Amino acid sequence: MTATPFLEPVALQSPHALLVPLSLAHHDDLVAATRDGELWKLWYTTVPSPEAMRADIERRIGLREHGTLLPFAVVDPASGKAVGVTNYMNVDPVHRRLEIGGTWYRASSQRTSLNTGCKLLLLEHAFEKKDCIAVEFRTHFMNHQSRRGIERLGAKLDGVLRSHMRMANGTLRDSCVYSITAAEWPTVKAHLAWQLARPRS
């Protein structure tokens, strides 16, 4: 008998966000999304250019087939179009830990309820369906917008991995590592639900 994988493709939905297994059917939407803000030009993050989008989707799907990544297309419930990508990654089924990362959204979807809604869905699935003991987030030390967003979720800084990665432009990335633990999850969940319920200014 074959063991059931720790993570299997799944669709997650709420009034604020829809996450579906990434496929090549999302290619055209994601090309349009990355052009909104020319996201691939940001040196401190990694977003595929329009020309590289197909290869990036195929790479993520290949990693899914090897069980090391579970990629999602982020769909805007209002338009029905894919506006970004996110992943479960660095999956450790033995110790029931994973990272939410490799995330990007089109510029017009940033700073909206979409990101909060996505993170609530992903965290809820990880802690309540997969019984994770901790969920990590990692970002470039210089990506202050991403760091503020992670901290608004309620994640705590574990530390900084210095010279952790080499970026496409040859610079070395210091990675800030954040996490939310299972013990913290009920408080974080209540906080995220409150953020989504309150009027946005």
N, C-alpha and C. Protein backbone atom coordinates (compact mmCIF):
# COMPACT_ATOMS: atom_id res chain seq x y z
N MET A 1 0.85 -1.19 0.00
CA MET A 1 0.00 0.00 0.00
C MET A 1 0.89 1.25 0.00
N THR A 2 0.58 2.19 -0.88
CA THR A 2 1.35 3.43 -0.97
C THR A 2 0.88 4.41 0.09
N ALA A 3 1.82 5.03 0.78
CA ALA A 3 1.47 5.99 1.82
C ALA A 3 0.87 7.24 1.19
N THR A 4 -0.09 7.82 1.87
CA THR A 4 -0.71 9.06 1.39
C THR A 4 0.27 10.21 1.58
N PRO A 5 0.49 11.03 0.54
CA PRO A 5 1.41 12.17 0.69
C PRO A 5 0.93 13.11 1.79
N PHE A 6 1.90 13.76 2.44
CA PHE A 6 1.57 14.73 3.49
C PHE A 6 0.71 15.85 2.93
N LEU A 7 1.05 16.31 1.72
CA LEU A 7 0.29 17.37 1.08
C LEU A 7 -0.17 16.91 -0.30
N GLU A 8 -1.44 17.12 -0.60
CA GLU A 8 -2.00 16.81 -1.91
C GLU A 8 -2.66 18.05 -2.46
N PRO A 9 -2.73 18.19 -3.79
CA PRO A 9 -3.40 19.35 -4.37
C PRO A 9 -4.82 19.51 -3.83
N VAL A 10 -5.16 20.73 -3.49
CA VAL A 10 -6.46 21.02 -2.88
C VAL A 10 -6.85 22.44 -3.24
N ALA A 11 -8.15 22.69 -3.35
CA ALA A 11 -8.66 24.04 -3.54
C ALA A 11 -9.15 24.58 -2.20
N LEU A 12 -8.81 25.82 -1.90
CA LEU A 12 -9.21 26.46 -0.65
C LEU A 12 -9.95 27.74 -1.00
N GLN A 13 -11.09 27.96 -0.35
CA GLN A 13 -11.94 29.08 -0.76
C GLN A 13 -12.56 29.78 0.44
N SER A 14 -12.68 31.10 0.32
CA SER A 14 -13.40 31.93 1.28
C SER A 14 -14.00 33.09 0.50
N PRO A 15 -14.80 33.94 1.14
CA PRO A 15 -15.32 35.10 0.40
C PRO A 15 -14.22 36.05 -0.07
N HIS A 16 -13.04 35.96 0.55
CA HIS A 16 -11.97 36.92 0.24
C HIS A 16 -10.95 36.40 -0.76
N ALA A 17 -10.84 35.09 -0.92
CA ALA A 17 -9.78 34.54 -1.76
C ALA A 17 -10.14 33.13 -2.21
N LEU A 18 -9.57 32.74 -3.34
CA LEU A 18 -9.70 31.39 -3.86
C LEU A 18 -8.31 30.91 -4.25
N LEU A 19 -7.92 29.77 -3.72
CA LEU A 19 -6.63 29.16 -4.04
C LEU A 19 -6.91 27.83 -4.73
N VAL A 20 -6.36 27.66 -5.93
CA VAL A 20 -6.57 26.43 -6.69
C VAL A 20 -5.22 25.90 -7.14
N PRO A 21 -5.11 24.58 -7.40
CA PRO A 21 -3.85 24.03 -7.87
C PRO A 21 -3.37 24.76 -9.13
N LEU A 22 -2.13 25.18 -9.13
CA LEU A 22 -1.55 25.91 -10.27
C LEU A 22 -1.49 25.00 -11.50
N SER A 23 -1.84 25.56 -12.66
CA SER A 23 -1.75 24.82 -13.91
C SER A 23 -1.40 25.79 -15.03
N LEU A 24 -1.08 25.23 -16.19
CA LEU A 24 -0.77 26.07 -17.34
C LEU A 24 -1.98 26.85 -17.82
N ALA A 25 -3.17 26.46 -17.39
CA ALA A 25 -4.37 27.22 -17.74
C ALA A 25 -4.34 28.63 -17.15
N HIS A 26 -3.50 28.84 -16.12
CA HIS A 26 -3.40 30.16 -15.49
C HIS A 26 -2.36 31.06 -16.16
N HIS A 27 -1.69 30.56 -17.20
CA HIS A 27 -0.57 31.27 -17.80
C HIS A 27 -0.92 32.70 -18.22
N ASP A 28 -1.97 32.86 -19.01
CA ASP A 28 -2.27 34.19 -19.55
C ASP A 28 -2.66 35.17 -18.45
N ASP A 29 -3.44 34.72 -17.49
CA ASP A 29 -3.80 35.60 -16.36
C ASP A 29 -2.55 36.04 -15.60
N LEU A 30 -1.62 35.11 -15.39
CA LEU A 30 -0.42 35.44 -14.60
C LEU A 30 0.53 36.33 -15.38
N VAL A 31 0.57 36.19 -16.70
CA VAL A 31 1.36 37.12 -17.51
C VAL A 31 0.81 38.54 -17.35
N ALA A 32 -0.51 38.67 -17.43
CA ALA A 32 -1.12 39.99 -17.23
C ALA A 32 -0.86 40.50 -15.82
N ALA A 33 -0.89 39.59 -14.85
CA ALA A 33 -0.67 39.99 -13.45
C ALA A 33 0.74 40.52 -13.24
N THR A 34 1.73 39.85 -13.79
CA THR A 34 3.11 40.28 -13.56
C THR A 34 3.41 41.60 -14.28
N ARG A 35 2.66 41.89 -15.34
CA ARG A 35 2.84 43.18 -16.04
C ARG A 35 2.27 44.34 -15.24
N ASP A 36 1.36 44.03 -14.32
CA ASP A 36 0.78 45.06 -13.46
C ASP A 36 1.81 45.41 -12.39
N GLY A 37 2.59 46.43 -12.65
CA GLY A 37 3.66 46.83 -11.74
C GLY A 37 5.03 46.36 -12.16
N GLU A 38 5.11 45.65 -13.31
CA GLU A 38 6.40 45.13 -13.80
C GLU A 38 7.18 44.48 -12.66
N LEU A 39 6.54 43.50 -12.05
CA LEU A 39 7.07 42.92 -10.81
C LEU A 39 8.41 42.23 -10.98
N TRP A 40 8.70 41.72 -12.15
CA TRP A 40 9.96 41.01 -12.37
C TRP A 40 11.17 41.93 -12.30
N LYS A 41 10.95 43.24 -12.30
CA LYS A 41 12.06 44.20 -12.23
C LYS A 41 12.48 44.50 -10.79
N LEU A 42 11.74 43.99 -9.80
CA LEU A 42 12.10 44.23 -8.40
C LEU A 42 13.31 43.37 -8.06
N TRP A 43 14.42 43.98 -7.70
CA TRP A 43 15.66 43.23 -7.52
C TRP A 43 15.66 42.36 -6.28
N TYR A 44 14.85 42.71 -5.25
CA TYR A 44 14.90 42.04 -3.96
C TYR A 44 13.89 40.90 -3.84
N THR A 45 13.21 40.58 -4.93
CA THR A 45 12.29 39.45 -4.92
C THR A 45 12.43 38.70 -6.24
N THR A 46 11.76 37.57 -6.36
CA THR A 46 11.88 36.75 -7.56
C THR A 46 10.49 36.50 -8.14
N VAL A 47 10.19 37.26 -9.19
CA VAL A 47 8.92 37.12 -9.91
C VAL A 47 9.26 36.90 -11.38
N PRO A 48 8.67 35.89 -12.02
CA PRO A 48 9.03 35.63 -13.42
C PRO A 48 8.56 36.74 -14.35
N SER A 49 9.34 36.97 -15.39
CA SER A 49 8.93 37.91 -16.43
C SER A 49 7.83 37.26 -17.27
N PRO A 50 7.11 38.06 -18.06
CA PRO A 50 6.09 37.46 -18.92
C PRO A 50 6.65 36.34 -19.81
N GLU A 51 7.85 36.54 -20.32
CA GLU A 51 8.45 35.56 -21.22
C GLU A 51 8.83 34.27 -20.48
N ALA A 52 9.09 34.37 -19.18
CA ALA A 52 9.53 33.21 -18.40
C ALA A 52 8.38 32.54 -17.64
N MET A 53 7.16 33.05 -17.81
CA MET A 53 6.05 32.56 -16.99
C MET A 53 5.76 31.08 -17.22
N ARG A 54 5.72 30.65 -18.47
CA ARG A 54 5.40 29.25 -18.75
C ARG A 54 6.43 28.32 -18.10
N ALA A 55 7.70 28.66 -18.24
CA ALA A 55 8.75 27.82 -17.64
C ALA A 55 8.63 27.80 -16.12
N ASP A 56 8.25 28.94 -15.53
CA ASP A 56 8.11 29.00 -14.07
C ASP A 56 6.94 28.13 -13.60
N ILE A 57 5.83 28.18 -14.32
CA ILE A 57 4.69 27.32 -13.96
C ILE A 57 5.08 25.86 -14.09
N GLU A 58 5.75 25.51 -15.18
CA GLU A 58 6.16 24.11 -15.39
C GLU A 58 7.14 23.67 -14.30
N ARG A 59 8.02 24.57 -13.87
CA ARG A 59 8.97 24.24 -12.80
C ARG A 59 8.22 23.94 -11.50
N ARG A 60 7.26 24.78 -11.16
CA ARG A 60 6.51 24.58 -9.92
C ARG A 60 5.68 23.29 -9.98
N ILE A 61 5.09 23.01 -11.13
CA ILE A 61 4.32 21.78 -11.28
C ILE A 61 5.24 20.56 -11.14
N GLY A 62 6.45 20.65 -11.70
CA GLY A 62 7.41 19.57 -11.57
C GLY A 62 7.80 19.31 -10.12
N LEU A 63 8.00 20.38 -9.35
CA LEU A 63 8.32 20.23 -7.93
C LEU A 63 7.14 19.64 -7.16
N ARG A 64 5.91 19.98 -7.59
CA ARG A 64 4.73 19.38 -6.96
C ARG A 64 4.71 17.87 -7.18
N GLU A 65 5.07 17.45 -8.37
CA GLU A 65 5.07 16.02 -8.69
C GLU A 65 6.13 15.27 -7.89
N HIS A 66 7.18 15.97 -7.46
CA HIS A 66 8.22 15.36 -6.63
C HIS A 66 7.91 15.48 -5.14
N GLY A 67 6.81 16.15 -4.80
CA GLY A 67 6.39 16.24 -3.41
C GLY A 67 7.12 17.26 -2.57
N THR A 68 7.85 18.20 -3.22
CA THR A 68 8.61 19.19 -2.46
C THR A 68 7.96 20.57 -2.44
N LEU A 69 6.91 20.74 -3.23
CA LEU A 69 6.25 22.05 -3.34
C LEU A 69 4.78 21.81 -3.67
N LEU A 70 3.91 22.62 -3.10
CA LEU A 70 2.50 22.57 -3.46
C LEU A 70 2.09 23.98 -3.89
N PRO A 71 2.09 24.22 -5.22
CA PRO A 71 1.82 25.57 -5.72
C PRO A 71 0.33 25.83 -5.96
N PHE A 72 -0.08 27.06 -5.66
CA PHE A 72 -1.46 27.50 -5.86
C PHE A 72 -1.48 28.72 -6.77
N ALA A 73 -2.49 28.79 -7.62
CA ALA A 73 -2.83 30.05 -8.27
C ALA A 73 -3.77 30.80 -7.34
N VAL A 74 -3.49 32.08 -7.14
CA VAL A 74 -4.34 32.93 -6.32
C VAL A 74 -5.36 33.58 -7.25
N VAL A 75 -6.64 33.27 -7.03
CA VAL A 75 -7.70 33.76 -7.91
C VAL A 75 -8.53 34.81 -7.17
N ASP A 76 -8.76 35.92 -7.82
CA ASP A 76 -9.63 36.97 -7.27
C ASP A 76 -11.07 36.51 -7.43
N PRO A 77 -11.82 36.32 -6.32
CA PRO A 77 -13.19 35.82 -6.44
C PRO A 77 -14.09 36.75 -7.27
N ALA A 78 -13.80 38.05 -7.25
CA ALA A 78 -14.65 39.01 -7.97
C ALA A 78 -14.51 38.87 -9.48
N SER A 79 -13.29 38.70 -9.97
CA SER A 79 -13.04 38.64 -11.41
C SER A 79 -12.92 37.22 -11.95
N GLY A 80 -12.60 36.27 -11.05
CA GLY A 80 -12.37 34.90 -11.49
C GLY A 80 -11.03 34.70 -12.17
N LYS A 81 -10.17 35.71 -12.13
CA LYS A 81 -8.86 35.64 -12.79
C LYS A 81 -7.75 35.40 -11.78
N ALA A 82 -6.72 34.67 -12.21
CA ALA A 82 -5.54 34.47 -11.38
C ALA A 82 -4.76 35.77 -11.30
N VAL A 83 -4.43 36.17 -10.07
CA VAL A 83 -3.73 37.45 -9.87
C VAL A 83 -2.38 37.26 -9.18
N GLY A 84 -1.99 36.01 -8.95
CA GLY A 84 -0.71 35.74 -8.31
C GLY A 84 -0.53 34.27 -8.03
N VAL A 85 0.53 33.98 -7.30
CA VAL A 85 0.92 32.60 -6.99
C VAL A 85 1.39 32.54 -5.54
N THR A 86 1.14 31.42 -4.88
CA THR A 86 1.71 31.15 -3.56
C THR A 86 1.96 29.66 -3.45
N ASN A 87 2.72 29.25 -2.43
CA ASN A 87 3.11 27.85 -2.31
C ASN A 87 3.23 27.40 -0.87
N TYR A 88 2.98 26.13 -0.63
CA TYR A 88 3.55 25.43 0.51
C TYR A 88 4.90 24.90 0.02
N MET A 89 5.97 25.16 0.78
CA MET A 89 7.30 24.74 0.35
C MET A 89 8.13 24.35 1.57
N ASN A 90 9.34 23.83 1.30
CA ASN A 90 10.20 23.34 2.38
C ASN A 90 9.40 22.45 3.33
N VAL A 91 8.67 21.53 2.73
CA VAL A 91 7.74 20.68 3.48
C VAL A 91 8.51 19.60 4.25
N ASP A 92 8.23 19.50 5.55
CA ASP A 92 8.86 18.50 6.41
C ASP A 92 7.76 17.66 7.05
N PRO A 93 7.35 16.55 6.38
CA PRO A 93 6.24 15.75 6.90
C PRO A 93 6.56 15.04 8.21
N VAL A 94 7.83 14.76 8.46
CA VAL A 94 8.20 14.07 9.70
C VAL A 94 7.93 14.96 10.90
N HIS A 95 8.37 16.20 10.81
CA HIS A 95 8.21 17.14 11.93
C HIS A 95 7.00 18.06 11.75
N ARG A 96 6.24 17.83 10.67
CA ARG A 96 5.01 18.56 10.42
C ARG A 96 5.23 20.07 10.44
N ARG A 97 6.17 20.48 9.61
CA ARG A 97 6.46 21.90 9.42
C ARG A 97 6.44 22.19 7.93
N LEU A 98 6.16 23.42 7.59
CA LEU A 98 6.25 23.85 6.20
C LEU A 98 6.41 25.36 6.16
N GLU A 99 6.72 25.85 4.97
CA GLU A 99 6.84 27.29 4.74
C GLU A 99 5.79 27.72 3.75
N ILE A 100 5.21 28.89 3.96
CA ILE A 100 4.38 29.54 2.96
C ILE A 100 5.26 30.58 2.28
N GLY A 101 5.49 30.41 0.99
CA GLY A 101 6.43 31.33 0.35
C GLY A 101 6.33 31.30 -1.17
N GLY A 102 7.29 31.98 -1.80
CA GLY A 102 7.27 32.11 -3.25
C GLY A 102 6.02 32.84 -3.72
N THR A 103 5.54 33.77 -2.87
CA THR A 103 4.25 34.43 -3.10
C THR A 103 4.43 35.76 -3.82
N TRP A 104 3.61 36.00 -4.81
CA TRP A 104 3.54 37.34 -5.42
C TRP A 104 2.12 37.58 -5.93
N TYR A 105 1.72 38.87 -5.93
CA TYR A 105 0.42 39.29 -6.44
C TYR A 105 0.61 40.48 -7.38
N ARG A 106 -0.29 40.62 -8.33
CA ARG A 106 -0.25 41.81 -9.18
C ARG A 106 -0.34 43.06 -8.31
N ALA A 107 0.23 44.16 -8.78
CA ALA A 107 0.34 45.37 -7.95
C ALA A 107 -1.02 45.85 -7.47
N SER A 108 -2.05 45.77 -8.31
CA SER A 108 -3.36 46.29 -7.92
C SER A 108 -4.05 45.42 -6.87
N SER A 109 -3.54 44.20 -6.64
CA SER A 109 -4.13 43.32 -5.61
C SER A 109 -3.37 43.40 -4.29
N GLN A 110 -2.23 44.09 -4.29
CA GLN A 110 -1.46 44.22 -3.06
C GLN A 110 -2.14 45.21 -2.13
N ARG A 111 -1.92 45.00 -0.82
CA ARG A 111 -2.52 45.85 0.22
C ARG A 111 -4.06 45.80 0.18
N THR A 112 -4.61 44.67 -0.23
CA THR A 112 -6.05 44.45 -0.18
C THR A 112 -6.32 43.27 0.76
N SER A 113 -7.60 42.94 0.92
CA SER A 113 -7.94 41.81 1.78
C SER A 113 -7.54 40.47 1.18
N LEU A 114 -7.12 40.47 -0.09
CA LEU A 114 -6.77 39.21 -0.77
C LEU A 114 -5.64 38.48 -0.05
N ASN A 115 -4.57 39.19 0.28
CA ASN A 115 -3.42 38.54 0.92
C ASN A 115 -3.80 37.99 2.29
N THR A 116 -4.52 38.79 3.07
CA THR A 116 -4.95 38.31 4.40
C THR A 116 -5.83 37.08 4.25
N GLY A 117 -6.76 37.13 3.28
CA GLY A 117 -7.63 35.99 3.05
C GLY A 117 -6.86 34.74 2.64
N CYS A 118 -5.86 34.92 1.78
CA CYS A 118 -5.03 33.77 1.36
C CYS A 118 -4.28 33.17 2.54
N LYS A 119 -3.67 34.02 3.34
CA LYS A 119 -2.88 33.52 4.46
C LYS A 119 -3.78 32.82 5.48
N LEU A 120 -4.98 33.34 5.70
CA LEU A 120 -5.89 32.67 6.62
C LEU A 120 -6.25 31.27 6.11
N LEU A 121 -6.53 31.14 4.83
CA LEU A 121 -6.84 29.83 4.25
C LEU A 121 -5.67 28.87 4.37
N LEU A 122 -4.47 29.34 4.04
CA LEU A 122 -3.29 28.47 4.06
C LEU A 122 -2.92 28.05 5.48
N LEU A 123 -2.98 28.99 6.41
CA LEU A 123 -2.65 28.68 7.80
C LEU A 123 -3.70 27.75 8.41
N GLU A 124 -4.96 28.01 8.12
CA GLU A 124 -6.03 27.17 8.65
C GLU A 124 -5.87 25.73 8.16
N HIS A 125 -5.55 25.56 6.89
CA HIS A 125 -5.36 24.22 6.34
C HIS A 125 -4.15 23.54 6.97
N ALA A 126 -3.06 24.30 7.12
CA ALA A 126 -1.83 23.73 7.68
C ALA A 126 -2.00 23.30 9.12
N PHE A 127 -2.61 24.15 9.94
CA PHE A 127 -2.72 23.85 11.37
C PHE A 127 -3.90 22.92 11.68
N GLU A 128 -5.02 23.11 11.00
CA GLU A 128 -6.23 22.39 11.39
C GLU A 128 -6.48 21.12 10.59
N LYS A 129 -5.94 21.03 9.39
CA LYS A 129 -6.11 19.83 8.58
C LYS A 129 -4.84 18.97 8.55
N LYS A 130 -3.68 19.61 8.60
CA LYS A 130 -2.42 18.89 8.50
C LYS A 130 -1.66 18.81 9.82
N ASP A 131 -2.23 19.39 10.87
CA ASP A 131 -1.67 19.28 12.21
C ASP A 131 -0.22 19.73 12.28
N CYS A 132 0.09 20.83 11.59
CA CYS A 132 1.46 21.36 11.62
C CYS A 132 1.78 21.92 13.00
N ILE A 133 3.05 21.80 13.39
CA ILE A 133 3.48 22.38 14.66
C ILE A 133 3.99 23.81 14.48
N ALA A 134 4.37 24.15 13.24
CA ALA A 134 4.82 25.52 12.96
C ALA A 134 4.76 25.76 11.46
N VAL A 135 4.53 27.01 11.08
CA VAL A 135 4.54 27.43 9.69
C VAL A 135 5.50 28.61 9.57
N GLU A 136 6.41 28.53 8.60
CA GLU A 136 7.43 29.56 8.42
C GLU A 136 7.09 30.50 7.27
N PHE A 137 7.69 31.68 7.33
CA PHE A 137 7.69 32.66 6.25
C PHE A 137 9.11 33.18 6.14
N ARG A 138 9.62 33.33 4.91
CA ARG A 138 10.96 33.87 4.72
C ARG A 138 10.91 34.96 3.67
N THR A 139 11.69 36.00 3.88
CA THR A 139 11.72 37.08 2.91
C THR A 139 13.07 37.80 2.97
N HIS A 140 13.35 38.55 1.93
CA HIS A 140 14.60 39.31 1.84
C HIS A 140 14.62 40.37 2.94
N PHE A 141 15.76 40.54 3.57
CA PHE A 141 15.91 41.56 4.61
C PHE A 141 15.51 42.94 4.08
N MET A 142 15.78 43.20 2.79
CA MET A 142 15.49 44.51 2.21
C MET A 142 14.05 44.64 1.73
N ASN A 143 13.28 43.57 1.75
CA ASN A 143 11.89 43.64 1.29
C ASN A 143 11.01 44.07 2.46
N HIS A 144 11.03 45.35 2.75
CA HIS A 144 10.36 45.87 3.94
C HIS A 144 8.84 45.73 3.84
N GLN A 145 8.28 45.85 2.63
CA GLN A 145 6.83 45.68 2.47
C GLN A 145 6.43 44.26 2.84
N SER A 146 7.20 43.28 2.39
CA SER A 146 6.90 41.88 2.72
C SER A 146 7.06 41.63 4.21
N ARG A 147 8.11 42.18 4.81
CA ARG A 147 8.32 41.98 6.24
C ARG A 147 7.19 42.57 7.06
N ARG A 148 6.73 43.75 6.69
CA ARG A 148 5.60 44.36 7.42
C ARG A 148 4.35 43.51 7.27
N GLY A 149 4.14 42.97 6.07
CA GLY A 149 2.97 42.13 5.83
C GLY A 149 3.00 40.86 6.67
N ILE A 150 4.17 40.23 6.75
CA ILE A 150 4.31 39.01 7.56
C ILE A 150 4.09 39.33 9.03
N GLU A 151 4.64 40.44 9.49
CA GLU A 151 4.47 40.81 10.90
C GLU A 151 3.02 41.16 11.22
N ARG A 152 2.29 41.73 10.25
CA ARG A 152 0.88 42.02 10.47
C ARG A 152 0.06 40.75 10.65
N LEU A 153 0.53 39.64 10.08
CA LEU A 153 -0.17 38.37 10.27
C LEU A 153 -0.10 37.90 11.72
N GLY A 154 0.94 38.33 12.43
CA GLY A 154 1.17 37.85 13.79
C GLY A 154 2.35 36.92 13.90
N ALA A 155 3.10 36.75 12.79
CA ALA A 155 4.30 35.91 12.83
C ALA A 155 5.41 36.62 13.60
N LYS A 156 6.26 35.83 14.24
CA LYS A 156 7.38 36.38 15.01
C LYS A 156 8.70 36.07 14.30
N LEU A 157 9.64 37.00 14.41
CA LEU A 157 10.94 36.84 13.78
C LEU A 157 11.77 35.83 14.56
N ASP A 158 12.16 34.75 13.89
CA ASP A 158 13.03 33.75 14.50
C ASP A 158 14.50 34.15 14.40
N GLY A 159 14.84 34.82 13.30
CA GLY A 159 16.22 35.22 13.11
C GLY A 159 16.49 35.57 11.66
N VAL A 160 17.75 35.88 11.37
CA VAL A 160 18.17 36.26 10.02
C VAL A 160 19.24 35.29 9.54
N LEU A 161 18.99 34.65 8.40
CA LEU A 161 19.99 33.79 7.77
C LEU A 161 20.84 34.67 6.86
N ARG A 162 22.06 34.95 7.29
CA ARG A 162 22.91 35.89 6.56
C ARG A 162 23.57 35.21 5.37
N SER A 163 23.65 35.95 4.25
CA SER A 163 24.17 35.40 2.99
C SER A 163 23.53 34.05 2.69
N HIS A 164 22.21 34.05 2.76
CA HIS A 164 21.44 32.82 2.64
C HIS A 164 21.29 32.35 1.20
N MET A 165 21.12 33.32 0.27
CA MET A 165 20.86 32.97 -1.12
C MET A 165 21.56 33.97 -2.04
N ARG A 166 21.89 33.49 -3.25
CA ARG A 166 22.41 34.39 -4.27
C ARG A 166 21.27 34.80 -5.19
N MET A 167 21.05 36.10 -5.34
CA MET A 167 19.98 36.61 -6.16
C MET A 167 20.39 36.61 -7.63
N ALA A 168 19.42 36.83 -8.52
CA ALA A 168 19.68 36.79 -9.96
C ALA A 168 20.69 37.86 -10.38
N ASN A 169 20.73 38.99 -9.64
CA ASN A 169 21.68 40.05 -10.00
C ASN A 169 23.05 39.87 -9.36
N GLY A 170 23.25 38.72 -8.69
CA GLY A 170 24.55 38.41 -8.10
C GLY A 170 24.72 38.83 -6.66
N THR A 171 23.78 39.61 -6.12
CA THR A 171 23.88 40.02 -4.73
C THR A 171 23.50 38.86 -3.81
N LEU A 172 23.93 38.95 -2.55
CA LEU A 172 23.61 37.92 -1.57
C LEU A 172 22.43 38.38 -0.72
N ARG A 173 21.50 37.48 -0.53
CA ARG A 173 20.29 37.80 0.23
C ARG A 173 20.43 37.35 1.68
N ASP A 174 20.19 38.27 2.61
CA ASP A 174 19.96 37.91 4.00
C ASP A 174 18.47 37.62 4.14
N SER A 175 18.12 36.44 4.60
CA SER A 175 16.71 36.03 4.70
C SER A 175 16.21 36.17 6.13
N CYS A 176 15.13 36.92 6.29
CA CYS A 176 14.45 37.01 7.58
C CYS A 176 13.50 35.82 7.69
N VAL A 177 13.64 35.05 8.77
CA VAL A 177 12.80 33.87 8.98
C VAL A 177 11.81 34.16 10.09
N TYR A 178 10.53 34.06 9.76
CA TYR A 178 9.44 34.25 10.71
C TYR A 178 8.70 32.93 10.88
N SER A 179 7.95 32.80 11.96
CA SER A 179 7.10 31.62 12.10
C SER A 179 5.89 31.91 12.98
N ILE A 180 4.89 31.06 12.80
CA ILE A 180 3.71 30.99 13.67
C ILE A 180 3.67 29.56 14.18
N THR A 181 3.54 29.37 15.47
CA THR A 181 3.50 28.02 16.04
C THR A 181 2.05 27.60 16.26
N ALA A 182 1.86 26.30 16.45
CA ALA A 182 0.51 25.77 16.69
C ALA A 182 -0.12 26.40 17.93
N ALA A 183 0.68 26.65 18.96
CA ALA A 183 0.15 27.25 20.19
C ALA A 183 -0.33 28.68 19.94
N GLU A 184 0.30 29.37 18.98
CA GLU A 184 -0.07 30.75 18.68
C GLU A 184 -1.24 30.85 17.70
N TRP A 185 -1.53 29.76 17.00
CA TRP A 185 -2.50 29.79 15.92
C TRP A 185 -3.88 30.32 16.33
N PRO A 186 -4.49 29.90 17.44
CA PRO A 186 -5.82 30.43 17.76
C PRO A 186 -5.86 31.96 17.86
N THR A 187 -4.83 32.54 18.46
CA THR A 187 -4.77 34.00 18.57
C THR A 187 -4.57 34.64 17.20
N VAL A 188 -3.68 34.07 16.41
CA VAL A 188 -3.44 34.59 15.06
C VAL A 188 -4.70 34.49 14.21
N LYS A 189 -5.40 33.38 14.32
CA LYS A 189 -6.63 33.20 13.54
C LYS A 189 -7.67 34.25 13.90
N ALA A 190 -7.84 34.51 15.19
CA ALA A 190 -8.80 35.53 15.63
C ALA A 190 -8.39 36.90 15.10
N HIS A 191 -7.10 37.18 15.10
CA HIS A 191 -6.58 38.46 14.62
C HIS A 191 -6.84 38.62 13.12
N LEU A 192 -6.59 37.57 12.33
CA LEU A 192 -6.80 37.65 10.89
C LEU A 192 -8.29 37.80 10.57
N ALA A 193 -9.14 37.07 11.29
CA ALA A 193 -10.59 37.19 11.08
C ALA A 193 -11.05 38.61 11.38
N TRP A 194 -10.49 39.21 12.44
CA TRP A 194 -10.84 40.60 12.78
C TRP A 194 -10.38 41.56 11.68
N GLN A 195 -9.17 41.34 11.15
CA GLN A 195 -8.67 42.20 10.07
C GLN A 195 -9.58 42.15 8.86
N LEU A 196 -10.09 40.96 8.53
CA LEU A 196 -10.94 40.81 7.36
C LEU A 196 -12.33 41.39 7.60
N ALA A 197 -12.79 41.40 8.84
CA ALA A 197 -14.15 41.87 9.14
C ALA A 197 -14.23 43.38 9.26
N ARG A 198 -13.14 44.03 9.64
CA ARG A 198 -13.21 45.47 9.90
C ARG A 198 -13.22 46.25 8.58
N PRO A 199 -13.85 47.41 8.56
CA PRO A 199 -13.85 48.22 7.33
C PRO A 199 -12.44 48.63 6.96
N ARG A 200 -12.15 48.60 5.67
CA ARG A 200 -10.83 49.01 5.18
C ARG A 200 -10.87 50.47 4.80
N SER A 201 -9.88 51.22 5.31
CA SER A 201 -9.83 52.65 5.01
C SER A 201 -9.14 52.91 3.68
